PDB file of N, CA and C in Angstrom:
ATOM      1  N   UNK A   1     -16.553   5.898   3.463  1.00  0.00           N
ATOM      2  CA  UNK A   1     -15.769   4.734   3.767  1.00  0.00           C
ATOM      3  C   UNK A   1     -14.799   5.079   4.890  1.00  0.00           C
ATOM      4  N   UNK A   2     -14.708   4.229   5.869  1.00  0.00           N
ATOM      5  CA  UNK A   2     -13.833   4.463   7.009  1.00  0.00           C
ATOM      6  C   UNK A   2     -12.524   3.690   6.832  1.00  0.00           C
ATOM      7  N   UNK A   3     -11.409   4.367   7.042  1.00  0.00           N
ATOM      8  CA  UNK A   3     -10.095   3.745   6.940  1.00  0.00           C
ATOM      9  C   UNK A   3      -9.499   3.618   8.329  1.00  0.00           C
ATOM     10  N   UNK A   4      -8.859   2.508   8.562  1.00  0.00           N
ATOM     11  CA  UNK A   4      -8.185   2.290   9.833  1.00  0.00           C
ATOM     12  C   UNK A   4      -6.724   1.979   9.541  1.00  0.00           C
ATOM     13  N   UNK A   5      -5.914   3.018   9.410  1.00  0.00           N
ATOM     14  CA  UNK A   5      -4.499   2.855   9.129  1.00  0.00           C
ATOM     15  C   UNK A   5      -3.752   3.000  10.451  1.00  0.00           C
ATOM     16  N   UNK A   6      -2.903   2.039  10.741  1.00  0.00           N
ATOM     17  CA  UNK A   6      -2.099   2.169  11.952  1.00  0.00           C
ATOM     18  C   UNK A   6      -0.733   1.551  11.745  1.00  0.00           C
ATOM     19  N   UNK A   7       0.186   1.916  12.571  1.00  0.00           N
ATOM     20  CA  UNK A   7       1.573   1.477  12.448  1.00  0.00           C
ATOM     21  C   UNK A   7       1.768  -0.008  12.727  1.00  0.00           C
ATOM     22  N   UNK A   8       0.809  -0.668  13.371  1.00  0.00           N
ATOM     23  CA  UNK A   8       0.989  -2.068  13.735  1.00  0.00           C
ATOM     24  C   UNK A   8       0.660  -3.019  12.584  1.00  0.00           C
ATOM     25  N   UNK A   9       0.173  -2.507  11.471  1.00  0.00           N
ATOM     26  CA  UNK A   9      -0.143  -3.357  10.332  1.00  0.00           C
ATOM     27  C   UNK A   9       1.161  -3.878   9.730  1.00  0.00           C
ATOM     28  N   UNK A  10       1.352  -5.220   9.669  1.00  0.00           N
ATOM     29  CA  UNK A  10       2.615  -5.772   9.177  1.00  0.00           C
ATOM     30  C   UNK A  10       2.853  -5.499   7.697  1.00  0.00           C
ATOM     31  N   UNK A  11       1.809  -5.169   6.951  1.00  0.00           N
ATOM     32  CA  UNK A  11       1.979  -4.895   5.535  1.00  0.00           C
ATOM     33  C   UNK A  11       2.476  -3.483   5.273  1.00  0.00           C
ATOM     34  N   UNK A  12       2.431  -2.636   6.257  1.00  0.00           N
ATOM     35  CA  UNK A  12       2.805  -1.244   6.057  1.00  0.00           C
ATOM     36  C   UNK A  12       4.174  -0.942   6.645  1.00  0.00           C
ATOM     37  N   UNK A  13       5.201  -1.637   6.147  1.00  0.00           N
ATOM     38  CA  UNK A  13       6.556  -1.489   6.666  1.00  0.00           C
ATOM     39  C   UNK A  13       7.339  -0.378   5.981  1.00  0.00           C
ATOM     40  N   UNK A  14       6.766   0.232   4.979  1.00  0.00           N
ATOM     41  CA  UNK A  14       7.474   1.276   4.246  1.00  0.00           C
ATOM     42  C   UNK A  14       7.794   2.448   5.170  1.00  0.00           C
ATOM     43  N   UNK A  15       8.946   3.046   4.967  1.00  0.00           N
ATOM     44  CA  UNK A  15       9.340   4.210   5.770  1.00  0.00           C
ATOM     45  C   UNK A  15       8.621   5.476   5.333  1.00  0.00           C
ATOM     46  N   UNK A  16       8.185   5.501   4.092  1.00  0.00           N
ATOM     47  CA  UNK A  16       7.545   6.690   3.548  1.00  0.00           C
ATOM     48  C   UNK A  16       6.059   6.699   3.899  1.00  0.00           C
ATOM     49  N   UNK A  17       5.594   7.689   4.643  1.00  0.00           N
ATOM     50  CA  UNK A  17       4.178   7.719   5.038  1.00  0.00           C
ATOM     51  C   UNK A  17       3.223   7.785   3.848  1.00  0.00           C
ATOM     52  N   UNK A  18       3.619   8.445   2.770  1.00  0.00           N
ATOM     53  CA  UNK A  18       2.752   8.506   1.596  1.00  0.00           C
ATOM     54  C   UNK A  18       2.624   7.133   0.950  1.00  0.00           C
ATOM     55  N   UNK A  19       3.729   6.366   0.902  1.00  0.00           N
ATOM     56  CA  UNK A  19       3.664   4.987   0.395  1.00  0.00           C
ATOM     57  C   UNK A  19       2.719   4.152   1.243  1.00  0.00           C
ATOM     58  N   UNK A  20       2.769   4.319   2.563  1.00  0.00           N
ATOM     59  CA  UNK A  20       1.869   3.565   3.446  1.00  0.00           C
ATOM     60  C   UNK A  20       0.415   3.888   3.150  1.00  0.00           C
ATOM     61  N   UNK A  21       0.125   5.167   2.883  1.00  0.00           N
ATOM     62  CA  UNK A  21      -1.246   5.545   2.533  1.00  0.00           C
ATOM     63  C   UNK A  21      -1.676   4.903   1.217  1.00  0.00           C
ATOM     64  N   UNK A  22      -0.796   4.932   0.220  1.00  0.00           N
ATOM     65  CA  UNK A  22      -1.121   4.321  -1.066  1.00  0.00           C
ATOM     66  C   UNK A  22      -1.366   2.819  -0.929  1.00  0.00           C
ATOM     67  N   UNK A  23      -0.500   2.142  -0.196  1.00  0.00           N
ATOM     68  CA  UNK A  23      -0.628   0.695  -0.008  1.00  0.00           C
ATOM     69  C   UNK A  23      -1.906   0.370   0.748  1.00  0.00           C
ATOM     70  N   UNK A  24      -2.159   1.079   1.824  1.00  0.00           N
ATOM     71  CA  UNK A  24      -3.369   0.844   2.607  1.00  0.00           C
ATOM     72  C   UNK A  24      -4.622   1.074   1.803  1.00  0.00           C
ATOM     73  N   UNK A  25      -4.656   2.135   1.030  1.00  0.00           N
ATOM     74  CA  UNK A  25      -5.836   2.429   0.221  1.00  0.00           C
ATOM     75  C   UNK A  25      -6.002   1.394  -0.885  1.00  0.00           C
ATOM     76  N   UNK A  26      -4.912   0.955  -1.488  1.00  0.00           N
ATOM     77  CA  UNK A  26      -4.991  -0.080  -2.521  1.00  0.00           C
ATOM     78  C   UNK A  26      -5.545  -1.381  -1.948  1.00  0.00           C
ATOM     79  N   UNK A  27      -5.161  -1.729  -0.731  1.00  0.00           N
ATOM     80  CA  UNK A  27      -5.648  -2.948  -0.088  1.00  0.00           C
ATOM     81  C   UNK A  27      -7.130  -2.814   0.244  1.00  0.00           C
ATOM     82  N   UNK A  28      -7.509  -1.718   0.875  1.00  0.00           N
ATOM     83  CA  UNK A  28      -8.894  -1.518   1.324  1.00  0.00           C
ATOM     84  C   UNK A  28      -9.857  -1.422   0.145  1.00  0.00           C
ATOM     85  N   UNK A  29      -9.475  -0.683  -0.889  1.00  0.00           N
ATOM     86  CA  UNK A  29     -10.377  -0.448  -2.013  1.00  0.00           C
ATOM     87  C   UNK A  29     -10.177  -1.431  -3.155  1.00  0.00           C
ATOM     88  N   UNK A  30      -9.210  -2.351  -3.004  1.00  0.00           N
ATOM     89  CA  UNK A  30      -8.922  -3.363  -4.015  1.00  0.00           C
ATOM     90  C   UNK A  30      -8.653  -2.706  -5.375  1.00  0.00           C
ATOM     91  N   UNK A  31      -7.741  -1.734  -5.379  1.00  0.00           N
ATOM     92  CA  UNK A  31      -7.361  -1.044  -6.605  1.00  0.00           C
ATOM     93  C   UNK A  31      -5.872  -1.258  -6.865  1.00  0.00           C
ATOM     94  N   UNK A  32      -5.450  -0.970  -8.082  1.00  0.00           N
ATOM     95  CA  UNK A  32      -4.056  -1.148  -8.478  1.00  0.00           C
ATOM     96  C   UNK A  32      -3.247   0.115  -8.216  1.00  0.00           C
ATOM     97  N   UNK A  33      -1.940  -0.087  -8.095  1.00  0.00           N
ATOM     98  CA  UNK A  33      -0.994   1.024  -7.996  1.00  0.00           C
ATOM     99  C   UNK A  33      -0.134   0.992  -9.247  1.00  0.00           C
ATOM    100  N   UNK A  34       0.036   2.156  -9.864  1.00  0.00           N
ATOM    101  CA  UNK A  34       0.892   2.262 -11.036  1.00  0.00           C
ATOM    102  C   UNK A  34       2.224   2.844 -10.580  1.00  0.00           C
ATOM    103  N   UNK A  35       3.262   2.013 -10.657  1.00  0.00           N
ATOM    104  CA  UNK A  35       4.588   2.440 -10.217  1.00  0.00           C
ATOM    105  C   UNK A  35       5.630   1.458 -10.706  1.00  0.00           C
ATOM    106  N   UNK A  36       6.853   1.923 -10.869  1.00  0.00           N
ATOM    107  CA  UNK A  36       7.938   1.007 -11.173  1.00  0.00           C
ATOM    108  C   UNK A  36       8.850   0.798  -9.951  1.00  0.00           C
ATOM    109  N   UNK A  37       8.411   1.284  -8.805  1.00  0.00           N
ATOM    110  CA  UNK A  37       9.154   1.101  -7.556  1.00  0.00           C
ATOM    111  C   UNK A  37       8.987  -0.342  -7.095  1.00  0.00           C
ATOM    112  N   UNK A  38      10.079  -1.106  -7.055  1.00  0.00           N
ATOM    113  CA  UNK A  38      10.005  -2.528  -6.707  1.00  0.00           C
ATOM    114  C   UNK A  38       9.619  -2.752  -5.244  1.00  0.00           C
ATOM    115  N   UNK A  39       9.641  -1.710  -4.423  1.00  0.00           N
ATOM    116  CA  UNK A  39       9.238  -1.842  -3.027  1.00  0.00           C
ATOM    117  C   UNK A  39       7.794  -2.332  -2.917  1.00  0.00           C
ATOM    118  N   UNK A  40       6.942  -1.938  -3.865  1.00  0.00           N
ATOM    119  CA  UNK A  40       5.534  -2.313  -3.822  1.00  0.00           C
ATOM    120  C   UNK A  40       5.317  -3.806  -4.055  1.00  0.00           C
ATOM    121  N   UNK A  41       6.309  -4.507  -4.601  1.00  0.00           N
ATOM    122  CA  UNK A  41       6.181  -5.951  -4.840  1.00  0.00           C
ATOM    123  C   UNK A  41       6.053  -6.746  -3.542  1.00  0.00           C
ATOM    124  N   UNK A  42       6.409  -6.160  -2.429  1.00  0.00           N
ATOM    125  CA  UNK A  42       6.364  -6.843  -1.136  1.00  0.00           C
ATOM    126  C   UNK A  42       4.972  -6.865  -0.514  1.00  0.00           C
ATOM    127  N   UNK A  43       4.008  -6.234  -1.155  1.00  0.00           N
ATOM    128  CA  UNK A  43       2.674  -6.072  -0.569  1.00  0.00           C
ATOM    129  C   UNK A  43       1.607  -6.777  -1.406  1.00  0.00           C
ATOM    130  N   UNK A  44       0.510  -7.165  -0.775  1.00  0.00           N
ATOM    131  CA  UNK A  44      -0.551  -7.900  -1.485  1.00  0.00           C
ATOM    132  C   UNK A  44      -1.451  -6.960  -2.291  1.00  0.00           C
ATOM    133  N   UNK A  45      -0.839  -6.307  -3.272  1.00  0.00           N
ATOM    134  CA  UNK A  45      -1.577  -5.362  -4.113  1.00  0.00           C
ATOM    135  C   UNK A  45      -1.292  -5.697  -5.571  1.00  0.00           C
ATOM    136  N   UNK A  46      -2.149  -5.209  -6.452  1.00  0.00           N
ATOM    137  CA  UNK A  46      -1.914  -5.367  -7.870  1.00  0.00           C
ATOM    138  C   UNK A  46      -1.095  -4.179  -8.341  1.00  0.00           C
ATOM    139  N   UNK A  47       0.077  -4.478  -8.909  1.00  0.00           N
ATOM    140  CA  UNK A  47       0.998  -3.439  -9.348  1.00  0.00           C
ATOM    141  C   UNK A  47       1.062  -3.417 -10.865  1.00  0.00           C
ATOM    142  N   UNK A  48       0.902  -2.240 -11.437  1.00  0.00           N
ATOM    143  CA  UNK A  48       0.984  -2.074 -12.892  1.00  0.00           C
ATOM    144  C   UNK A  48       2.252  -1.320 -13.225  1.00  0.00           C
ATOM    145  N   UNK A  49       3.082  -1.912 -14.082  1.00  0.00           N
ATOM    146  CA  UNK A  49       4.224  -1.289 -14.725  1.00  0.00           C
ATOM    147  C   UNK A  49       5.188  -2.317 -15.138  1.00  0.00           C
TER     148      UNK A  49
END
């Protein structure tokens, strides 16, 4: 699977590069993220917690 992550994506505004990877992968693979960090609520992902 090829990923195209870049800084111009409006959904990837997080300052933490690891968060950007998690968000991007969750969007591309349509998977959930398990976290209680409310920052993830700003993105079109399924959040569990």
